[in-house]
Amino acid sequence: MIFGLLLLTPGVASAGTGDLQATPIYVGDSFGPNGYCTVGATVQGGFITSGLCGRSGQVVRTSTGAVVGTIRASTHPLPSMAWVSVTSAWEPVGVFRGPDRRDRPVHGSTPAPVGSAVCAFSHTTGWQCGSLLSRNASVTFIEGTVYGLLMTNICLGAGTPPGTPLFSNGQLQGILVSPGNCSAGGRSYFMPINEFLQRYGLTLLTSS
């Protein structure tokens, strides 16, 4: 595992200092076997990611096998979301950190209007930017159709880690549901981040 603006709105809080001995967890960190999944957003007591990253009750580990926490709730694909609570050895912080080790603050989760510039990051494709095309798109899986998704003209392609976050001007917008078929132009679809917070009653961590 590659592992700190107070917004006075429900579901958002500044990142605390926490236990100085704890290892920080950043938005964008990899976890699971071979770094299969990504921390999509950090919340008080843990983080949220894709429902593809495990079932409820499953222990979450780093790529080296260290225990991070436990999946408290998980569904896929209707909708595809999961909430992980971490042990006291780990400290989630409201910061995005990519492989360049540069910290980028998470300011909140204010929804961006259609047409806004958006960027997604994954450890397989790096930064990919484009535009938000819709806030009410749908994707059909074998198990059924997911509605109310964010559609972008970013195409991340097969192999993009589940949980990849989408940003607009420092505001977290969503977590990857479908990366698109880049050989055919493609679109990527994201579950709105506020859906996670509301469903699980979580508080997003932001940077001060």
C-alpha atoms as a PDB file:
ATOM      1  CA  MET A   1       0.000   0.000   0.000  1.00  0.00           C
ATOM      2  CA  ILE A   2       1.249   3.475  -0.846  1.00  0.00           C
ATOM      3  CA  PHE A   3       0.376   4.514   2.361  1.00  0.00           C
ATOM      4  CA  GLY A   4      -3.731  15.576   6.130  1.00  0.00           C
ATOM      5  CA  LEU A   5     -10.924  23.296   4.369  1.00  0.00           C
ATOM      6  CA  LEU A   6     -13.438  22.666   6.891  1.00  0.00           C
ATOM      7  CA  LEU A   7     -16.728  22.656   4.970  1.00  0.00           C
ATOM      8  CA  LEU A   8     -19.762  23.318   7.118  1.00  0.00           C
ATOM      9  CA  THR A   9     -22.048  20.977   5.247  1.00  0.00           C
ATOM     10  CA  PRO A  10     -23.531  17.606   6.283  1.00  0.00           C
ATOM     11  CA  GLY A  11     -21.280  14.648   5.598  1.00  0.00           C
ATOM     12  CA  VAL A  12     -18.009  16.618   5.385  1.00  0.00           C
ATOM     13  CA  ALA A  13     -15.316  17.196   8.020  1.00  0.00           C
ATOM     14  CA  SER A  14     -11.682  18.224   8.164  1.00  0.00           C
ATOM     15  CA  ALA A  15      -9.059  15.501   8.582  1.00  0.00           C
ATOM     16  CA  GLY A  16      -7.852  15.210  12.157  1.00  0.00           C
ATOM     17  CA  THR A  17      -4.323  14.628  13.320  1.00  0.00           C
ATOM     18  CA  GLY A  18      -5.275  11.349  14.959  1.00  0.00           C
ATOM     19  CA  ASP A  19      -2.691   8.906  16.293  1.00  0.00           C
ATOM     20  CA  LEU A  20       0.789  10.161  15.399  1.00  0.00           C
ATOM     21  CA  GLN A  21       2.000   6.546  15.297  1.00  0.00           C
ATOM     22  CA  ALA A  22      -0.613   5.504  12.750  1.00  0.00           C
ATOM     23  CA  THR A  23       0.229   5.061   9.068  1.00  0.00           C
ATOM     24  CA  PRO A  24      -1.680   7.525   6.864  1.00  0.00           C
ATOM     25  CA  ILE A  25      -4.078   6.327   4.182  1.00  0.00           C
ATOM     26  CA  TYR A  26      -4.485   8.685   1.224  1.00  0.00           C
ATOM     27  CA  VAL A  27      -7.138   8.937  -1.476  1.00  0.00           C
ATOM     28  CA  GLY A  28      -5.679   7.075  -4.459  1.00  0.00           C
ATOM     29  CA  ASP A  29      -3.748   4.494  -2.408  1.00  0.00           C
ATOM     30  CA  SER A  30      -3.650   0.943  -3.730  1.00  0.00           C
ATOM     31  CA  PHE A  31      -4.643  -2.052  -1.616  1.00  0.00           C
ATOM     32  CA  GLY A  32      -5.462  -5.732  -1.960  1.00  0.00           C
ATOM     33  CA  PRO A  33      -3.561  -8.445  -3.853  1.00  0.00           C
ATOM     34  CA  ASN A  34      -1.213  -6.864  -6.408  1.00  0.00           C
ATOM     35  CA  GLY A  35      -2.728  -3.445  -5.605  1.00  0.00           C
ATOM     36  CA  TYR A  36      -5.963  -4.495  -7.327  1.00  0.00           C
ATOM     37  CA  CYS A  37      -8.165  -1.802  -5.751  1.00  0.00           C
ATOM     38  CA  THR A  38      -7.982   1.931  -5.016  1.00  0.00           C
ATOM     39  CA  VAL A  39      -9.045   4.082  -2.071  1.00  0.00           C
ATOM     40  CA  GLY A  40     -11.736   6.208  -3.715  1.00  0.00           C
ATOM     41  CA  ALA A  41     -12.281   8.589  -0.791  1.00  0.00           C
ATOM     42  CA  THR A  42     -11.321   8.740   2.874  1.00  0.00           C
ATOM     43  CA  VAL A  43     -13.971   9.074   5.574  1.00  0.00           C
ATOM     44  CA  GLN A  44     -13.953   9.255   9.339  1.00  0.00           C
ATOM     45  CA  GLY A  45     -12.730   5.864  10.508  1.00  0.00           C
ATOM     46  CA  GLY A  46     -11.967   4.414   7.092  1.00  0.00           C
ATOM     47  CA  PHE A  47     -12.451   4.756   3.359  1.00  0.00           C
ATOM     48  CA  ILE A  48     -14.843   3.950   0.527  1.00  0.00           C
ATOM     49  CA  THR A  49     -14.194   2.087  -2.690  1.00  0.00           C
ATOM     50  CA  SER A  50     -15.838  -0.114  -5.320  1.00  0.00           C
ATOM     51  CA  GLY A  51     -18.086  -3.024  -4.395  1.00  0.00           C
ATOM     52  CA  LEU A  52     -15.814  -5.173  -6.575  1.00  0.00           C
ATOM     53  CA  CYS A  53     -13.118  -4.960  -3.897  1.00  0.00           C
ATOM     54  CA  GLY A  54     -14.691  -7.446  -1.519  1.00  0.00           C
ATOM     55  CA  ARG A  55     -17.719  -8.674   0.403  1.00  0.00           C
ATOM     56  CA  SER A  56     -19.110  -7.465   3.713  1.00  0.00           C
ATOM     57  CA  GLY A  57     -17.099  -8.904   6.620  1.00  0.00           C
ATOM     58  CA  GLN A  58     -13.986  -9.520   4.534  1.00  0.00           C
ATOM     59  CA  VAL A  59     -10.606  -8.449   5.960  1.00  0.00           C
ATOM     60  CA  VAL A  60      -8.788  -5.859   3.836  1.00  0.00           C
ATOM     61  CA  ARG A  61      -5.007  -6.093   3.477  1.00  0.00           C
ATOM     62  CA  THR A  62      -2.209  -4.193   1.795  1.00  0.00           C
ATOM     63  CA  SER A  63      -0.455  -5.737  -1.199  1.00  0.00           C
ATOM     64  CA  THR A  64       2.157  -7.041   1.290  1.00  0.00           C
ATOM     65  CA  GLY A  65      -0.466  -8.717   3.479  1.00  0.00           C
ATOM     66  CA  ALA A  66      -0.731  -6.262   6.391  1.00  0.00           C
ATOM     67  CA  VAL A  67      -4.254  -5.990   7.806  1.00  0.00           C
ATOM     68  CA  VAL A  68      -5.853  -2.597   7.113  1.00  0.00           C
ATOM     69  CA  GLY A  69      -9.411  -3.140   8.298  1.00  0.00           C
ATOM     70  CA  THR A  70     -12.738  -4.790   7.542  1.00  0.00           C
ATOM     71  CA  ILE A  71     -15.389  -4.239   4.878  1.00  0.00           C
ATOM     72  CA  ARG A  72     -18.483  -3.158   6.821  1.00  0.00           C
ATOM     73  CA  ALA A  73     -20.830  -2.944   3.833  1.00  0.00           C
ATOM     74  CA  SER A  74     -20.526  -3.849   0.163  1.00  0.00           C
ATOM     75  CA  THR A  75     -22.818  -4.129  -2.858  1.00  0.00           C
ATOM     76  CA  HIS A  76     -22.202  -4.700  -6.582  1.00  0.00           C
ATOM     77  CA  PRO A  77     -23.334  -3.601  -9.050  1.00  0.00           C
ATOM     78  CA  LEU A  78     -26.665  -2.243  -7.842  1.00  0.00           C
ATOM     79  CA  PRO A  79     -24.974  -0.009  -6.749  1.00  0.00           C
ATOM     80  CA  SER A  80     -21.236  -0.768  -6.754  1.00  0.00           C
ATOM     81  CA  MET A  81     -19.915   0.604  -3.475  1.00  0.00           C
ATOM     82  CA  ALA A  82     -18.091  -0.569  -0.356  1.00  0.00           C
ATOM     83  CA  TRP A  83     -17.155   0.933   3.011  1.00  0.00           C
ATOM     84  CA  VAL A  84     -14.012  -0.166   4.873  1.00  0.00           C
ATOM     85  CA  SER A  85     -13.373   0.608   8.560  1.00  0.00           C
ATOM     86  CA  VAL A  86      -9.665   0.631   9.445  1.00  0.00           C
ATOM     87  CA  THR A  87      -7.771  -0.452  12.546  1.00  0.00           C
ATOM     88  CA  SER A  88      -6.055   2.005  14.894  1.00  0.00           C
ATOM     89  CA  ALA A  89      -2.768   1.315  13.066  1.00  0.00           C
ATOM     90  CA  TRP A  90      -4.029   3.387  10.132  1.00  0.00           C
ATOM     91  CA  GLU A  91      -5.064   7.049   9.847  1.00  0.00           C
ATOM     92  CA  PRO A  92      -7.211   8.135   6.848  1.00  0.00           C
ATOM     93  CA  VAL A  93      -6.484  11.712   5.722  1.00  0.00           C
ATOM     94  CA  GLY A  94      -8.320  14.043   3.348  1.00  0.00           C
ATOM     95  CA  VAL A  95      -5.540  14.235   0.777  1.00  0.00           C
ATOM     96  CA  PHE A  96      -4.995  12.671  -2.641  1.00  0.00           C
ATOM     97  CA  ARG A  97      -1.467  11.379  -3.210  1.00  0.00           C
ATOM     98  CA  GLY A  98      -0.330   9.873  -6.505  1.00  0.00           C
ATOM     99  CA  PRO A  99       2.918   8.045  -7.321  1.00  0.00           C
ATOM    100  CA  ASP A 100       4.684  11.405  -7.777  1.00  0.00           C
ATOM    101  CA  ARG A 101       4.245  11.783  -3.974  1.00  0.00           C
ATOM    102  CA  ARG A 102       2.654  15.190  -4.491  1.00  0.00           C
ATOM    103  CA  ASP A 103      -0.189  15.953  -2.093  1.00  0.00           C
ATOM    104  CA  ARG A 104      -3.376  17.345  -3.627  1.00  0.00           C
ATOM    105  CA  PRO A 105      -6.053  18.563  -1.198  1.00  0.00           C
ATOM    106  CA  VAL A 106      -9.574  17.182  -1.184  1.00  0.00           C
ATOM    107  CA  HIS A 107     -11.799  20.236  -0.688  1.00  0.00           C
ATOM    108  CA  GLY A 108     -15.148  18.440  -0.487  1.00  0.00           C
ATOM    109  CA  SER A 109     -17.774  16.724  -2.623  1.00  0.00           C
ATOM    110  CA  THR A 110     -19.732  19.601  -4.184  1.00  0.00           C
ATOM    111  CA  PRO A 111     -21.325  18.249  -7.391  1.00  0.00           C
ATOM    112  CA  ALA A 112     -19.865  19.768 -10.558  1.00  0.00           C
ATOM    113  CA  PRO A 113     -22.316  20.893 -13.253  1.00  0.00           C
ATOM    114  CA  VAL A 114     -22.525  19.093 -16.581  1.00  0.00           C
ATOM    115  CA  GLY A 115     -19.806  20.387 -18.894  1.00  0.00           C
ATOM    116  CA  SER A 116     -17.253  20.824 -16.114  1.00  0.00           C
ATOM    117  CA  ALA A 117     -13.661  19.701 -16.519  1.00  0.00           C
ATOM    118  CA  VAL A 118     -13.031  16.452 -14.631  1.00  0.00           C
ATOM    119  CA  CYS A 119      -9.962  14.290 -14.068  1.00  0.00           C
ATOM    120  CA  ALA A 120      -9.552  10.686 -12.965  1.00  0.00           C
ATOM    121  CA  PHE A 121      -6.381   9.046 -11.727  1.00  0.00           C
ATOM    122  CA  SER A 122      -5.374   5.408 -11.660  1.00  0.00           C
ATOM    123  CA  HIS A 123      -2.054   3.680 -11.127  1.00  0.00           C
ATOM    124  CA  THR A 124      -2.363   2.030 -14.548  1.00  0.00           C
ATOM    125  CA  THR A 125      -3.198   5.090 -16.679  1.00  0.00           C
ATOM    126  CA  GLY A 126      -2.028   8.069 -14.601  1.00  0.00           C
ATOM    127  CA  TRP A 127      -4.078  11.280 -14.918  1.00  0.00           C
ATOM    128  CA  GLN A 128      -6.794  11.332 -17.577  1.00  0.00           C
ATOM    129  CA  CYS A 129      -8.926  14.455 -18.006  1.00  0.00           C
ATOM    130  CA  GLY A 130     -12.031  15.367 -19.959  1.00  0.00           C
ATOM    131  CA  SER A 131     -15.576  16.655 -19.433  1.00  0.00           C
ATOM    132  CA  LEU A 132     -18.596  15.633 -17.395  1.00  0.00           C
ATOM    133  CA  LEU A 133     -21.237  14.717 -19.989  1.00  0.00           C
ATOM    134  CA  SER A 134     -24.162  13.669 -17.792  1.00  0.00           C
ATOM    135  CA  ARG A 135     -25.214  13.309 -14.165  1.00  0.00           C
ATOM    136  CA  ASN A 136     -27.983  10.811 -14.859  1.00  0.00           C
ATOM    137  CA  ALA A 137     -26.442   8.125 -17.055  1.00  0.00           C
ATOM    138  CA  SER A 138     -26.949   4.365 -16.771  1.00  0.00           C
ATOM    139  CA  VAL A 139     -24.853   1.252 -17.340  1.00  0.00           C
ATOM    140  CA  THR A 140     -26.233  -2.265 -17.780  1.00  0.00           C
ATOM    141  CA  PHE A 141     -24.427  -5.222 -16.200  1.00  0.00           C
ATOM    142  CA  ILE A 142     -25.425  -8.879 -16.288  1.00  0.00           C
ATOM    143  CA  GLU A 143     -26.969  -8.388 -12.845  1.00  0.00           C
ATOM    144  CA  GLY A 144     -29.009  -5.348 -13.877  1.00  0.00           C
ATOM    145  CA  THR A 145     -28.897  -1.667 -14.786  1.00  0.00           C
ATOM    146  CA  VAL A 146     -27.343   1.019 -12.573  1.00  0.00           C
ATOM    147  CA  TYR A 147     -28.887   4.493 -12.867  1.00  0.00           C
ATOM    148  CA  GLY A 148     -27.878   7.975 -11.761  1.00  0.00           C
ATOM    149  CA  LEU A 149     -24.244   7.664 -12.794  1.00  0.00           C
ATOM    150  CA  LEU A 150     -21.785  10.349 -13.847  1.00  0.00           C
ATOM    151  CA  MET A 151     -20.738   9.907 -17.489  1.00  0.00           C
ATOM    152  CA  THR A 152     -17.485  11.409 -18.756  1.00  0.00           C
ATOM    153  CA  ASN A 153     -15.627  11.374 -22.063  1.00  0.00           C
ATOM    154  CA  ILE A 154     -12.557  10.045 -20.246  1.00  0.00           C
ATOM    155  CA  CYS A 155     -11.762   6.484 -21.286  1.00  0.00           C
ATOM    156  CA  LEU A 156      -9.656   4.667 -18.699  1.00  0.00           C
ATOM    157  CA  GLY A 157      -9.855   1.226 -20.319  1.00  0.00           C
ATOM    158  CA  ALA A 158      -9.853  -2.359 -19.090  1.00  0.00           C
ATOM    159  CA  GLY A 159      -7.548  -3.051 -16.173  1.00  0.00           C
ATOM    160  CA  THR A 160      -8.209   0.255 -14.410  1.00  0.00           C
ATOM    161  CA  PRO A 161      -8.366  -0.499 -10.660  1.00  0.00           C
ATOM    162  CA  PRO A 162     -11.838  -0.484  -9.076  1.00  0.00           C
ATOM    163  CA  GLY A 163     -12.320   2.507  -6.791  1.00  0.00           C
ATOM    164  CA  THR A 164     -10.537   5.009  -9.062  1.00  0.00           C
ATOM    165  CA  PRO A 165     -11.675   8.520  -7.995  1.00  0.00           C
ATOM    166  CA  LEU A 166     -12.992  11.357 -10.181  1.00  0.00           C
ATOM    167  CA  PHE A 167     -12.212  15.009  -9.328  1.00  0.00           C
ATOM    168  CA  SER A 168     -13.328  18.442 -10.463  1.00  0.00           C
ATOM    169  CA  ASN A 169     -11.347  21.410  -9.132  1.00  0.00           C
ATOM    170  CA  GLY A 170     -10.432  19.610  -5.918  1.00  0.00           C
ATOM    171  CA  GLN A 171     -13.988  18.338  -5.321  1.00  0.00           C
ATOM    172  CA  LEU A 172     -14.427  14.560  -5.280  1.00  0.00           C
ATOM    173  CA  GLN A 173     -17.183  13.647  -7.716  1.00  0.00           C
ATOM    174  CA  GLY A 174     -17.390   9.877  -7.881  1.00  0.00           C
ATOM    175  CA  ILE A 175     -15.813   6.432  -7.910  1.00  0.00           C
ATOM    176  CA  LEU A 176     -15.335   4.342 -11.041  1.00  0.00           C
ATOM    177  CA  VAL A 177     -18.078   1.907 -12.041  1.00  0.00           C
ATOM    178  CA  SER A 178     -17.209   1.235 -15.702  1.00  0.00           C
ATOM    179  CA  PRO A 179     -13.914   2.289 -17.386  1.00  0.00           C
ATOM    180  CA  GLY A 180     -15.111   2.146 -21.013  1.00  0.00           C
ATOM    181  CA  ASN A 181     -13.797   0.555 -24.211  1.00  0.00           C
ATOM    182  CA  CYS A 182     -11.041   2.890 -25.394  1.00  0.00           C
ATOM    183  CA  SER A 183     -10.633   1.194 -28.772  1.00  0.00           C
ATOM    184  CA  ALA A 184     -14.157   2.397 -29.610  1.00  0.00           C
ATOM    185  CA  GLY A 185     -13.858   5.910 -28.200  1.00  0.00           C
ATOM    186  CA  GLY A 186     -15.528   4.912 -24.988  1.00  0.00           C
ATOM    187  CA  ARG A 187     -16.932   6.630 -21.932  1.00  0.00           C
ATOM    188  CA  SER A 188     -16.226   6.115 -18.249  1.00  0.00           C
ATOM    189  CA  TYR A 189     -18.971   6.022 -15.604  1.00  0.00           C
ATOM    190  CA  PHE A 190     -18.729   6.884 -11.921  1.00  0.00           C
ATOM    191  CA  MET A 191     -20.986   6.400  -8.915  1.00  0.00           C
ATOM    192  CA  PRO A 192     -21.545   9.863  -7.317  1.00  0.00           C
ATOM    193  CA  ILE A 193     -19.519  10.168  -4.123  1.00  0.00           C
ATOM    194  CA  ASN A 194     -22.405  11.658  -2.171  1.00  0.00           C
ATOM    195  CA  GLU A 195     -24.392   8.472  -2.803  1.00  0.00           C
ATOM    196  CA  PHE A 196     -21.764   6.584  -0.767  1.00  0.00           C
ATOM    197  CA  LEU A 197     -21.821   9.114   2.064  1.00  0.00           C
ATOM    198  CA  GLN A 198     -25.610   9.160   2.292  1.00  0.00           C
ATOM    199  CA  ARG A 199     -26.095   5.403   2.011  1.00  0.00           C
ATOM    200  CA  TYR A 200     -23.629   4.564   4.779  1.00  0.00           C
ATOM    201  CA  GLY A 201     -23.969   7.738   6.882  1.00  0.00           C
ATOM    202  CA  LEU A 202     -20.281   8.582   6.463  1.00  0.00           C
ATOM    203  CA  THR A 203     -18.342  11.826   6.815  1.00  0.00           C
ATOM    204  CA  LEU A 204     -15.887  12.726   4.058  1.00  0.00           C
ATOM    205  CA  LEU A 205     -12.421  13.827   5.158  1.00  0.00           C
ATOM    206  CA  THR A 206     -11.080  17.019   3.608  1.00  0.00           C
ATOM    207  CA  SER A 207      -7.837  19.006   3.804  1.00  0.00           C
ATOM    208  CA  SER A 208      -7.219  22.076   5.919  1.00  0.00           C
END
